[in-house]
Amino acid sequence: MVTLRTQAYIDYISCVAESGNQRANDKQFFEILSKAADAKTRIAIYGSSAVLQALAQFEKGKPVIDSAESANRFLNLVSVMRSENINKNDLINTDDLKLVLFGDYEW
């Protein structure tokens, strides 16, 4: 079950990353939305309550990283997902995670 959970998490995060590079009317964008829906369904089944709560917070409004607030919700989601798959004592600095995921981008 851990493998199914981890794969669902990875698939969702990948879809969010891919969607940032697509236009809303692009055919590939709709394919990404479909893959994201599939990943969210698997997260609803296999994911922990902490991940479901973080995902719900990110999904409020629109699940697009277009502001500091949405970026912080996304960072929280990734952090919670990460904590389930790695030793819980192996904490990562939020600023480091932000730099890895977003580079030096500022909103």
PDB file of N, CA and C in Angstrom:
ATOM      1  N   MET A   1       0.826  -1.201   0.000  1.00  0.00           N
ATOM      2  CA  MET A   1       0.000   0.000   0.000  1.00  0.00           C
ATOM      3  C   MET A   1       0.864   1.257   0.000  1.00  0.00           C
ATOM      4  N   VAL A   2       2.012   1.218   0.639  1.00  0.00           N
ATOM      5  CA  VAL A   2       2.883   2.389   0.678  1.00  0.00           C
ATOM      6  C   VAL A   2       3.292   2.787  -0.735  1.00  0.00           C
ATOM      7  N   THR A   3       3.581   1.811  -1.578  1.00  0.00           N
ATOM      8  CA  THR A   3       3.975   2.115  -2.951  1.00  0.00           C
ATOM      9  C   THR A   3       2.837   2.793  -3.702  1.00  0.00           C
ATOM     10  N   LEU A   4       1.608   2.316  -3.534  1.00  0.00           N
ATOM     11  CA  LEU A   4       0.460   2.946  -4.195  1.00  0.00           C
ATOM     12  C   LEU A   4       0.263   4.376  -3.696  1.00  0.00           C
ATOM     13  N   ARG A   5       0.436   4.560  -2.410  1.00  0.00           N
ATOM     14  CA  ARG A   5       0.293   5.891  -1.820  1.00  0.00           C
ATOM     15  C   ARG A   5       1.364   6.829  -2.370  1.00  0.00           C
ATOM     16  N   THR A   6       2.596   6.378  -2.318  1.00  0.00           N
ATOM     17  CA  THR A   6       3.703   7.207  -2.786  1.00  0.00           C
ATOM     18  C   THR A   6       3.548   7.558  -4.259  1.00  0.00           C
ATOM     19  N   GLN A   7       3.143   6.593  -5.069  1.00  0.00           N
ATOM     20  CA  GLN A   7       2.971   6.860  -6.499  1.00  0.00           C
ATOM     21  C   GLN A   7       1.857   7.877  -6.740  1.00  0.00           C
ATOM     22  N   ALA A   8       0.781   7.790  -5.976  1.00  0.00           N
ATOM     23  CA  ALA A   8      -0.310   8.763  -6.107  1.00  0.00           C
ATOM     24  C   ALA A   8       0.188  10.167  -5.759  1.00  0.00           C
ATOM     25  N   TYR A   9       0.985  10.268  -4.703  1.00  0.00           N
ATOM     26  CA  TYR A   9       1.539  11.562  -4.307  1.00  0.00           C
ATOM     27  C   TYR A   9       2.431  12.126  -5.411  1.00  0.00           C
ATOM     28  N   ILE A  10       3.312  11.289  -5.923  1.00  0.00           N
ATOM     29  CA  ILE A  10       4.228  11.726  -6.982  1.00  0.00           C
ATOM     30  C   ILE A  10       3.450  12.156  -8.217  1.00  0.00           C
ATOM     31  N   ASP A  11       2.444  11.375  -8.594  1.00  0.00           N
ATOM     32  CA  ASP A  11       1.656  11.697  -9.783  1.00  0.00           C
ATOM     33  C   ASP A  11       0.954  13.042  -9.628  1.00  0.00           C
ATOM     34  N   TYR A  12       0.392  13.299  -8.453  1.00  0.00           N
ATOM     35  CA  TYR A  12      -0.309  14.566  -8.251  1.00  0.00           C
ATOM     36  C   TYR A  12       0.660  15.745  -8.325  1.00  0.00           C
ATOM     37  N   ILE A  13       1.783  15.631  -7.633  1.00  0.00           N
ATOM     38  CA  ILE A  13       2.774  16.712  -7.638  1.00  0.00           C
ATOM     39  C   ILE A  13       3.270  16.964  -9.064  1.00  0.00           C
ATOM     40  N   SER A  14       3.486  15.905  -9.818  1.00  0.00           N
ATOM     41  CA  SER A  14       3.918  16.046 -11.215  1.00  0.00           C
ATOM     42  C   SER A  14       2.874  16.770 -12.051  1.00  0.00           C
ATOM     43  N   CYS A  15       1.613  16.458 -11.820  1.00  0.00           N
ATOM     44  CA  CYS A  15       0.535  17.133 -12.574  1.00  0.00           C
ATOM     45  C   CYS A  15       0.490  18.617 -12.264  1.00  0.00           C
ATOM     46  N   VAL A  16       0.656  18.965 -11.006  1.00  0.00           N
ATOM     47  CA  VAL A  16       0.667  20.385 -10.643  1.00  0.00           C
ATOM     48  C   VAL A  16       1.833  21.084 -11.339  1.00  0.00           C
ATOM     49  N   ALA A  17       2.989  20.441 -11.331  1.00  0.00           N
ATOM     50  CA  ALA A  17       4.162  21.031 -11.988  1.00  0.00           C
ATOM     51  C   ALA A  17       3.943  21.174 -13.487  1.00  0.00           C
ATOM     52  N   GLU A  18       3.391  20.143 -14.111  1.00  0.00           N
ATOM     53  CA  GLU A  18       3.142  20.190 -15.561  1.00  0.00           C
ATOM     54  C   GLU A  18       2.096  21.232 -15.926  1.00  0.00           C
ATOM     55  N   SER A  19       1.075  21.379 -15.100  1.00  0.00           N
ATOM     56  CA  SER A  19      -0.017  22.298 -15.437  1.00  0.00           C
ATOM     57  C   SER A  19       0.445  23.744 -15.476  1.00  0.00           C
ATOM     58  N   GLY A  20       1.508  24.062 -14.753  1.00  0.00           N
ATOM     59  CA  GLY A  20       2.029  25.420 -14.762  1.00  0.00           C
ATOM     60  C   GLY A  20       2.629  25.823 -16.091  1.00  0.00           C
ATOM     61  N   ASN A  21       2.918  24.836 -16.928  1.00  0.00           N
ATOM     62  CA  ASN A  21       3.529  25.106 -18.227  1.00  0.00           C
ATOM     63  C   ASN A  21       2.545  25.021 -19.386  1.00  0.00           C
ATOM     64  N   GLN A  22       1.257  24.874 -19.094  1.00  0.00           N
ATOM     65  CA  GLN A  22       0.251  24.688 -20.138  1.00  0.00           C
ATOM     66  C   GLN A  22      -0.756  25.830 -20.134  1.00  0.00           C
ATOM     67  N   ARG A  23      -1.389  26.003 -21.250  1.00  0.00           N
ATOM     68  CA  ARG A  23      -2.478  26.983 -21.363  1.00  0.00           C
ATOM     69  C   ARG A  23      -3.799  26.276 -21.102  1.00  0.00           C
ATOM     70  N   ALA A  24      -4.747  26.996 -20.528  1.00  0.00           N
ATOM     71  CA  ALA A  24      -6.019  26.402 -20.133  1.00  0.00           C
ATOM     72  C   ALA A  24      -6.798  25.806 -21.299  1.00  0.00           C
ATOM     73  N   ASN A  25      -6.576  26.266 -22.509  1.00  0.00           N
ATOM     74  CA  ASN A  25      -7.326  25.728 -23.651  1.00  0.00           C
ATOM     75  C   ASN A  25      -6.519  24.694 -24.431  1.00  0.00           C
ATOM     76  N   ASP A  26      -5.357  24.371 -23.963  1.00  0.00           N
ATOM     77  CA  ASP A  26      -4.477  23.402 -24.610  1.00  0.00           C
ATOM     78  C   ASP A  26      -4.980  21.981 -24.327  1.00  0.00           C
ATOM     79  N   LYS A  27      -4.965  21.111 -25.337  1.00  0.00           N
ATOM     80  CA  LYS A  27      -5.415  19.725 -25.174  1.00  0.00           C
ATOM     81  C   LYS A  27      -4.611  19.018 -24.085  1.00  0.00           C
ATOM     82  N   GLN A  28      -3.313  19.280 -24.059  1.00  0.00           N
ATOM     83  CA  GLN A  28      -2.460  18.640 -23.061  1.00  0.00           C
ATOM     84  C   GLN A  28      -2.843  19.073 -21.643  1.00  0.00           C
ATOM     85  N   PHE A  29      -3.318  20.299 -21.490  1.00  0.00           N
ATOM     86  CA  PHE A  29      -3.757  20.780 -20.185  1.00  0.00           C
ATOM     87  C   PHE A  29      -4.902  19.927 -19.659  1.00  0.00           C
ATOM     88  N   PHE A  30      -5.857  19.578 -20.514  1.00  0.00           N
ATOM     89  CA  PHE A  30      -6.991  18.761 -20.101  1.00  0.00           C
ATOM     90  C   PHE A  30      -6.554  17.333 -19.775  1.00  0.00           C
ATOM     91  N   GLU A  31      -5.547  16.843 -20.468  1.00  0.00           N
ATOM     92  CA  GLU A  31      -4.994  15.526 -20.144  1.00  0.00           C
ATOM     93  C   GLU A  31      -4.340  15.559 -18.762  1.00  0.00           C
ATOM     94  N   ILE A  32      -3.658  16.639 -18.461  1.00  0.00           N
ATOM     95  CA  ILE A  32      -3.027  16.786 -17.151  1.00  0.00           C
ATOM     96  C   ILE A  32      -4.092  16.849 -16.060  1.00  0.00           C
ATOM     97  N   LEU A  33      -5.171  17.580 -16.306  1.00  0.00           N
ATOM     98  CA  LEU A  33      -6.268  17.649 -15.333  1.00  0.00           C
ATOM     99  C   LEU A  33      -6.858  16.268 -15.083  1.00  0.00           C
ATOM    100  N   SER A  34      -6.983  15.476 -16.134  1.00  0.00           N
ATOM    101  CA  SER A  34      -7.498  14.124 -15.994  1.00  0.00           C
ATOM    102  C   SER A  34      -6.556  13.262 -15.149  1.00  0.00           C
ATOM    103  N   LYS A  35      -5.258  13.388 -15.402  1.00  0.00           N
ATOM    104  CA  LYS A  35      -4.276  12.637 -14.609  1.00  0.00           C
ATOM    105  C   LYS A  35      -4.290  13.107 -13.153  1.00  0.00           C
ATOM    106  N   ALA A  36      -4.474  14.393 -12.943  1.00  0.00           N
ATOM    107  CA  ALA A  36      -4.528  14.927 -11.572  1.00  0.00           C
ATOM    108  C   ALA A  36      -5.755  14.383 -10.840  1.00  0.00           C
ATOM    109  N   ALA A  37      -6.875  14.313 -11.541  1.00  0.00           N
ATOM    110  CA  ALA A  37      -8.095  13.765 -10.934  1.00  0.00           C
ATOM    111  C   ALA A  37      -7.892  12.303 -10.545  1.00  0.00           C
ATOM    112  N   ASP A  38      -7.222  11.556 -11.399  1.00  0.00           N
ATOM    113  CA  ASP A  38      -6.917  10.161 -11.088  1.00  0.00           C
ATOM    114  C   ASP A  38      -6.025  10.071  -9.844  1.00  0.00           C
ATOM    115  N   ALA A  39      -4.994  10.900  -9.790  1.00  0.00           N
ATOM    116  CA  ALA A  39      -4.089  10.894  -8.639  1.00  0.00           C
ATOM    117  C   ALA A  39      -4.834  11.284  -7.364  1.00  0.00           C
ATOM    118  N   LYS A  40      -5.707  12.285  -7.450  1.00  0.00           N
ATOM    119  CA  LYS A  40      -6.467  12.711  -6.272  1.00  0.00           C
ATOM    120  C   LYS A  40      -7.394  11.601  -5.786  1.00  0.00           C
ATOM    121  N   THR A  41      -7.964  10.852  -6.717  1.00  0.00           N
ATOM    122  CA  THR A  41      -8.823   9.727  -6.334  1.00  0.00           C
ATOM    123  C   THR A  41      -8.014   8.689  -5.565  1.00  0.00           C
ATOM    124  N   ARG A  42      -6.817   8.395  -6.056  1.00  0.00           N
ATOM    125  CA  ARG A  42      -5.960   7.425  -5.357  1.00  0.00           C
ATOM    126  C   ARG A  42      -5.513   7.972  -4.003  1.00  0.00           C
ATOM    127  N   ILE A  43      -5.254   9.275  -3.924  1.00  0.00           N
ATOM    128  CA  ILE A  43      -4.889   9.876  -2.641  1.00  0.00           C
ATOM    129  C   ILE A  43      -6.061   9.777  -1.666  1.00  0.00           C
ATOM    130  N   ALA A  44      -7.280   9.968  -2.168  1.00  0.00           N
ATOM    131  CA  ALA A  44      -8.460   9.860  -1.309  1.00  0.00           C
ATOM    132  C   ALA A  44      -8.587   8.451  -0.726  1.00  0.00           C
ATOM    133  N   ILE A  45      -8.149   7.450  -1.474  1.00  0.00           N
ATOM    134  CA  ILE A  45      -8.234   6.065  -1.007  1.00  0.00           C
ATOM    135  C   ILE A  45      -7.035   5.682  -0.147  1.00  0.00           C
ATOM    136  N   TYR A  46      -5.829   5.980  -0.624  1.00  0.00           N
ATOM    137  CA  TYR A  46      -4.613   5.502   0.031  1.00  0.00           C
ATOM    138  C   TYR A  46      -3.929   6.528   0.927  1.00  0.00           C
ATOM    139  N   GLY A  47      -4.257   7.789   0.766  1.00  0.00           N
ATOM    140  CA  GLY A  47      -3.544   8.840   1.487  1.00  0.00           C
ATOM    141  C   GLY A  47      -3.923   8.932   2.952  1.00  0.00           C
ATOM    142  N   SER A  48      -3.037   9.506   3.704  1.00  0.00           N
ATOM    143  CA  SER A  48      -3.299   9.704   5.134  1.00  0.00           C
ATOM    144  C   SER A  48      -4.255  10.876   5.330  1.00  0.00           C
ATOM    145  N   SER A  49      -4.790  10.962   6.529  1.00  0.00           N
ATOM    146  CA  SER A  49      -5.688  12.087   6.819  1.00  0.00           C
ATOM    147  C   SER A  49      -4.922  13.409   6.774  1.00  0.00           C
ATOM    148  N   ALA A  50      -3.648  13.403   7.175  1.00  0.00           N
ATOM    149  CA  ALA A  50      -2.853  14.637   7.136  1.00  0.00           C
ATOM    150  C   ALA A  50      -2.654  15.108   5.703  1.00  0.00           C
ATOM    151  N   VAL A  51      -2.395  14.177   4.782  1.00  0.00           N
ATOM    152  CA  VAL A  51      -2.225  14.555   3.377  1.00  0.00           C
ATOM    153  C   VAL A  51      -3.555  15.013   2.790  1.00  0.00           C
ATOM    154  N   LEU A  52      -4.635  14.325   3.117  1.00  0.00           N
ATOM    155  CA  LEU A  52      -5.948  14.753   2.610  1.00  0.00           C
ATOM    156  C   LEU A  52      -6.282  16.166   3.084  1.00  0.00           C
ATOM    157  N   GLN A  53      -5.963  16.461   4.320  1.00  0.00           N
ATOM    158  CA  GLN A  53      -6.224  17.803   4.843  1.00  0.00           C
ATOM    159  C   GLN A  53      -5.363  18.842   4.117  1.00  0.00           C
ATOM    160  N   ALA A  54      -4.079  18.537   3.910  1.00  0.00           N
ATOM    161  CA  ALA A  54      -3.190  19.478   3.208  1.00  0.00           C
ATOM    162  C   ALA A  54      -3.612  19.634   1.753  1.00  0.00           C
ATOM    163  N   LEU A  55      -4.052  18.541   1.129  1.00  0.00           N
ATOM    164  CA  LEU A  55      -4.531  18.605  -0.254  1.00  0.00           C
ATOM    165  C   LEU A  55      -5.796  19.454  -0.345  1.00  0.00           C
ATOM    166  N   ALA A  56      -6.699  19.274   0.593  1.00  0.00           N
ATOM    167  CA  ALA A  56      -7.920  20.082   0.609  1.00  0.00           C
ATOM    168  C   ALA A  56      -7.596  21.566   0.738  1.00  0.00           C
ATOM    169  N   GLN A  57      -6.615  21.905   1.579  1.00  0.00           N
ATOM    170  CA  GLN A  57      -6.212  23.300   1.728  1.00  0.00           C
ATOM    171  C   GLN A  57      -5.638  23.854   0.422  1.00  0.00           C
ATOM    172  N   PHE A  58      -4.830  23.037  -0.259  1.00  0.00           N
ATOM    173  CA  PHE A  58      -4.255  23.489  -1.534  1.00  0.00           C
ATOM    174  C   PHE A  58      -5.333  23.633  -2.602  1.00  0.00           C
ATOM    175  N   GLU A  59      -6.289  22.718  -2.600  1.00  0.00           N
ATOM    176  CA  GLU A  59      -7.332  22.705  -3.622  1.00  0.00           C
ATOM    177  C   GLU A  59      -8.375  23.809  -3.437  1.00  0.00           C
ATOM    178  N   LYS A  60      -8.390  24.456  -2.271  1.00  0.00           N
ATOM    179  CA  LYS A  60      -9.360  25.540  -2.064  1.00  0.00           C
ATOM    180  C   LYS A  60      -9.169  26.589  -3.144  1.00  0.00           C
ATOM    181  N   GLY A  61     -10.251  27.066  -3.670  1.00  0.00           N
ATOM    182  CA  GLY A  61     -10.151  28.018  -4.782  1.00  0.00           C
ATOM    183  C   GLY A  61      -9.744  27.264  -6.024  1.00  0.00           C
ATOM    184  N   LYS A  62      -8.546  27.497  -6.494  1.00  0.00           N
ATOM    185  CA  LYS A  62      -8.035  26.761  -7.649  1.00  0.00           C
ATOM    186  C   LYS A  62      -6.646  26.244  -7.308  1.00  0.00           C
ATOM    187  N   PRO A  63      -6.385  24.999  -7.624  1.00  0.00           N
ATOM    188  CA  PRO A  63      -5.093  24.412  -7.268  1.00  0.00           C
ATOM    189  C   PRO A  63      -3.985  24.791  -8.253  1.00  0.00           C
ATOM    190  N   VAL A  64      -3.719  26.079  -8.311  1.00  0.00           N
ATOM    191  CA  VAL A  64      -2.695  26.611  -9.200  1.00  0.00           C
ATOM    192  C   VAL A  64      -1.737  27.431  -8.349  1.00  0.00           C
ATOM    193  N   ILE A  65      -0.473  27.319  -8.630  1.00  0.00           N
ATOM    194  CA  ILE A  65       0.523  28.070  -7.871  1.00  0.00           C
ATOM    195  C   ILE A  65       0.729  29.409  -8.565  1.00  0.00           C
ATOM    196  N   ASP A  66      -0.036  30.407  -8.113  1.00  0.00           N
ATOM    197  CA  ASP A  66       0.012  31.714  -8.752  1.00  0.00           C
ATOM    198  C   ASP A  66       0.133  32.863  -7.747  1.00  0.00           C
ATOM    199  N   SER A  67       0.412  32.493  -6.504  1.00  0.00           N
ATOM    200  CA  SER A  67       0.572  33.524  -5.469  1.00  0.00           C
ATOM    201  C   SER A  67       1.422  32.938  -4.347  1.00  0.00           C
ATOM    202  N   ALA A  68       1.883  33.800  -3.472  1.00  0.00           N
ATOM    203  CA  ALA A  68       2.662  33.332  -2.325  1.00  0.00           C
ATOM    204  C   ALA A  68       1.814  32.411  -1.451  1.00  0.00           C
ATOM    205  N   GLU A  69       0.541  32.744  -1.303  1.00  0.00           N
ATOM    206  CA  GLU A  69      -0.354  31.930  -0.474  1.00  0.00           C
ATOM    207  C   GLU A  69      -0.527  30.519  -1.046  1.00  0.00           C
ATOM    208  N   SER A  70      -0.779  30.422  -2.357  1.00  0.00           N
ATOM    209  CA  SER A  70      -0.948  29.091  -2.953  1.00  0.00           C
ATOM    210  C   SER A  70       0.370  28.324  -2.959  1.00  0.00           C
ATOM    211  N   ALA A  71       1.486  29.024  -3.130  1.00  0.00           N
ATOM    212  CA  ALA A  71       2.795  28.367  -3.076  1.00  0.00           C
ATOM    213  C   ALA A  71       3.050  27.797  -1.678  1.00  0.00           C
ATOM    214  N   ASN A  72       2.677  28.542  -0.652  1.00  0.00           N
ATOM    215  CA  ASN A  72       2.853  28.055   0.718  1.00  0.00           C
ATOM    216  C   ASN A  72       1.972  26.847   1.003  1.00  0.00           C
ATOM    217  N   ARG A  73       0.748  26.845   0.491  1.00  0.00           N
ATOM    218  CA  ARG A  73      -0.125  25.680   0.669  1.00  0.00           C
ATOM    219  C   ARG A  73       0.450  24.469  -0.059  1.00  0.00           C
ATOM    220  N   PHE A  74       1.026  24.697  -1.245  1.00  0.00           N
ATOM    221  CA  PHE A  74       1.646  23.612  -1.996  1.00  0.00           C
ATOM    222  C   PHE A  74       2.880  23.088  -1.261  1.00  0.00           C
ATOM    223  N   LEU A  75       3.702  23.982  -0.735  1.00  0.00           N
ATOM    224  CA  LEU A  75       4.875  23.570   0.038  1.00  0.00           C
ATOM    225  C   LEU A  75       4.463  22.748   1.252  1.00  0.00           C
ATOM    226  N   ASN A  76       3.396  23.137   1.903  1.00  0.00           N
ATOM    227  CA  ASN A  76       2.894  22.376   3.040  1.00  0.00           C
ATOM    228  C   ASN A  76       2.476  20.976   2.593  1.00  0.00           C
ATOM    229  N   LEU A  77       1.762  20.889   1.479  1.00  0.00           N
ATOM    230  CA  LEU A  77       1.335  19.589   0.950  1.00  0.00           C
ATOM    231  C   LEU A  77       2.536  18.697   0.664  1.00  0.00           C
ATOM    232  N   VAL A  78       3.531  19.224  -0.016  1.00  0.00           N
ATOM    233  CA  VAL A  78       4.723  18.445  -0.333  1.00  0.00           C
ATOM    234  C   VAL A  78       5.435  18.020   0.952  1.00  0.00           C
ATOM    235  N   SER A  79       5.514  18.910   1.918  1.00  0.00           N
ATOM    236  CA  SER A  79       6.169  18.586   3.189  1.00  0.00           C
ATOM    237  C   SER A  79       5.459  17.445   3.913  1.00  0.00           C
ATOM    238  N   VAL A  80       4.137  17.484   3.933  1.00  0.00           N
ATOM    239  CA  VAL A  80       3.370  16.426   4.603  1.00  0.00           C
ATOM    240  C   VAL A  80       3.553  15.107   3.862  1.00  0.00           C
ATOM    241  N   MET A  81       3.483  15.147   2.531  1.00  0.00           N
ATOM    242  CA  MET A  81       3.702  13.933   1.743  1.00  0.00           C
ATOM    243  C   MET A  81       5.095  13.375   1.990  1.00  0.00           C
ATOM    244  N   ARG A  82       6.065  14.263   2.020  1.00  0.00           N
ATOM    245  CA  ARG A  82       7.448  13.859   2.220  1.00  0.00           C
ATOM    246  C   ARG A  82       7.647  13.227   3.594  1.00  0.00           C
ATOM    247  N   SER A  83       7.018  13.781   4.611  1.00  0.00           N
ATOM    248  CA  SER A  83       7.200  13.273   5.968  1.00  0.00           C
ATOM    249  C   SER A  83       6.671  11.852   6.119  1.00  0.00           C
ATOM    250  N   GLU A  84       5.732  11.453   5.285  1.00  0.00           N
ATOM    251  CA  GLU A  84       5.202  10.094   5.351  1.00  0.00           C
ATOM    252  C   GLU A  84       6.110   9.081   4.680  1.00  0.00           C
ATOM    253  N   ASN A  85       6.957   9.535   3.798  1.00  0.00           N
ATOM    254  CA  ASN A  85       7.768   8.614   3.013  1.00  0.00           C
ATOM    255  C   ASN A  85       9.223   8.576   3.435  1.00  0.00           C
ATOM    256  N   ILE A  86       9.589   9.448   4.348  1.00  0.00           N
ATOM    257  CA  ILE A  86      10.966   9.539   4.831  1.00  0.00           C
ATOM    258  C   ILE A  86      10.893   9.565   6.351  1.00  0.00           C
ATOM    259  N   ASN A  87      11.956   9.225   6.987  1.00  0.00           N
ATOM    260  CA  ASN A  87      12.021   9.274   8.439  1.00  0.00           C
ATOM    261  C   ASN A  87      11.455  10.608   8.936  1.00  0.00           C
ATOM    262  N   LYS A  88      10.489  10.537   9.823  1.00  0.00           N
ATOM    263  CA  LYS A  88       9.834  11.761  10.317  1.00  0.00           C
ATOM    264  C   LYS A  88      10.798  12.723  11.000  1.00  0.00           C
ATOM    265  N   ASN A  89      11.929  12.226  11.443  1.00  0.00           N
ATOM    266  CA  ASN A  89      12.938  13.093  12.073  1.00  0.00           C
ATOM    267  C   ASN A  89      13.808  13.797  11.040  1.00  0.00           C
ATOM    268  N   ASP A  90      13.663  13.419   9.778  1.00  0.00           N
ATOM    269  CA  ASP A  90      14.459  14.012   8.698  1.00  0.00           C
ATOM    270  C   ASP A  90      13.698  15.203   8.122  1.00  0.00           C
ATOM    271  N   LEU A  91      13.671  16.294   8.878  1.00  0.00           N
ATOM    272  CA  LEU A  91      12.928  17.479   8.466  1.00  0.00           C
ATOM    273  C   LEU A  91      13.735  18.283   7.459  1.00  0.00           C
ATOM    274  N   ILE A  92      13.043  18.935   6.561  1.00  0.00           N
ATOM    275  CA  ILE A  92      13.699  19.773   5.557  1.00  0.00           C
ATOM    276  C   ILE A  92      13.287  21.220   5.806  1.00  0.00           C
ATOM    277  N   ASN A  93      14.209  22.102   5.608  1.00  0.00           N
ATOM    278  CA  ASN A  93      13.954  23.523   5.761  1.00  0.00           C
ATOM    279  C   ASN A  93      12.992  23.974   4.661  1.00  0.00           C
ATOM    280  N   THR A  94      11.954  24.689   5.028  1.00  0.00           N
ATOM    281  CA  THR A  94      10.956  25.150   4.064  1.00  0.00           C
ATOM    282  C   THR A  94      11.572  26.031   2.984  1.00  0.00           C
ATOM    283  N   ASP A  95      12.528  26.865   3.358  1.00  0.00           N
ATOM    284  CA  ASP A  95      13.183  27.717   2.363  1.00  0.00           C
ATOM    285  C   ASP A  95      13.955  26.885   1.345  1.00  0.00           C
ATOM    286  N   ASP A  96      14.586  25.798   1.816  1.00  0.00           N
ATOM    287  CA  ASP A  96      15.295  24.904   0.892  1.00  0.00           C
ATOM    288  C   ASP A  96      14.314  24.231  -0.063  1.00  0.00           C
ATOM    289  N   LEU A  97      13.192  23.762   0.476  1.00  0.00           N
ATOM    290  CA  LEU A  97      12.184  23.111  -0.360  1.00  0.00           C
ATOM    291  C   LEU A  97      11.629  24.106  -1.384  1.00  0.00           C
ATOM    292  N   LYS A  98      11.380  25.322  -0.960  1.00  0.00           N
ATOM    293  CA  LYS A  98      10.882  26.358  -1.866  1.00  0.00           C
ATOM    294  C   LYS A  98      11.883  26.622  -2.991  1.00  0.00           C
ATOM    295  N   LEU A  99      13.146  26.707  -2.652  1.00  0.00           N
ATOM    296  CA  LEU A  99      14.180  26.944  -3.663  1.00  0.00           C
ATOM    297  C   LEU A  99      14.260  25.781  -4.648  1.00  0.00           C
ATOM    298  N   VAL A 100      14.184  24.561  -4.154  1.00  0.00           N
ATOM    299  CA  VAL A 100      14.250  23.387  -5.021  1.00  0.00           C
ATOM    300  C   VAL A 100      13.052  23.349  -5.973  1.00  0.00           C
ATOM    301  N   LEU A 101      11.853  23.627  -5.450  1.00  0.00           N
ATOM    302  CA  LEU A 101      10.650  23.519  -6.277  1.00  0.00           C
ATOM    303  C   LEU A 101      10.402  24.724  -7.180  1.00  0.00           C
ATOM    304  N   PHE A 102      10.733  25.921  -6.699  1.00  0.00           N
ATOM    305  CA  PHE A 102      10.362  27.138  -7.428  1.00  0.00           C
ATOM    306  C   PHE A 102      11.562  27.981  -7.882  1.00  0.00           C
ATOM    307  N   GLY A 103      12.744  27.626  -7.455  1.00  0.00           N
ATOM    308  CA  GLY A 103      13.907  28.455  -7.780  1.00  0.00           C
ATOM    309  C   GLY A 103      13.826  29.760  -6.992  1.00  0.00           C
ATOM    310  N   ASP A 104      14.339  30.814  -7.557  1.00  0.00           N
ATOM    311  CA  ASP A 104      14.341  32.121  -6.889  1.00  0.00           C
ATOM    312  C   ASP A 104      13.075  32.921  -7.165  1.00  0.00           C
ATOM    313  N   TYR A 105      12.058  32.277  -7.725  1.00  0.00           N
ATOM    314  CA  TYR A 105      10.837  32.988  -8.115  1.00  0.00           C
ATOM    315  C   TYR A 105      10.173  33.623  -6.903  1.00  0.00           C
ATOM    316  N   GLU A 106       9.773  34.854  -7.038  1.00  0.00           N
ATOM    317  CA  GLU A 106       9.060  35.580  -5.990  1.00  0.00           C
ATOM    318  C   GLU A 106       7.686  36.008  -6.516  1.00  0.00           C
ATOM    319  N   TRP A 107       6.685  35.922  -5.681  1.00  0.00           N
ATOM    320  CA  TRP A 107       5.343  36.357  -6.074  1.00  0.00           C
ATOM    321  C   TRP A 107       5.112  37.761  -5.656  1.00  0.00           C
TER     322      TRP A 107
END
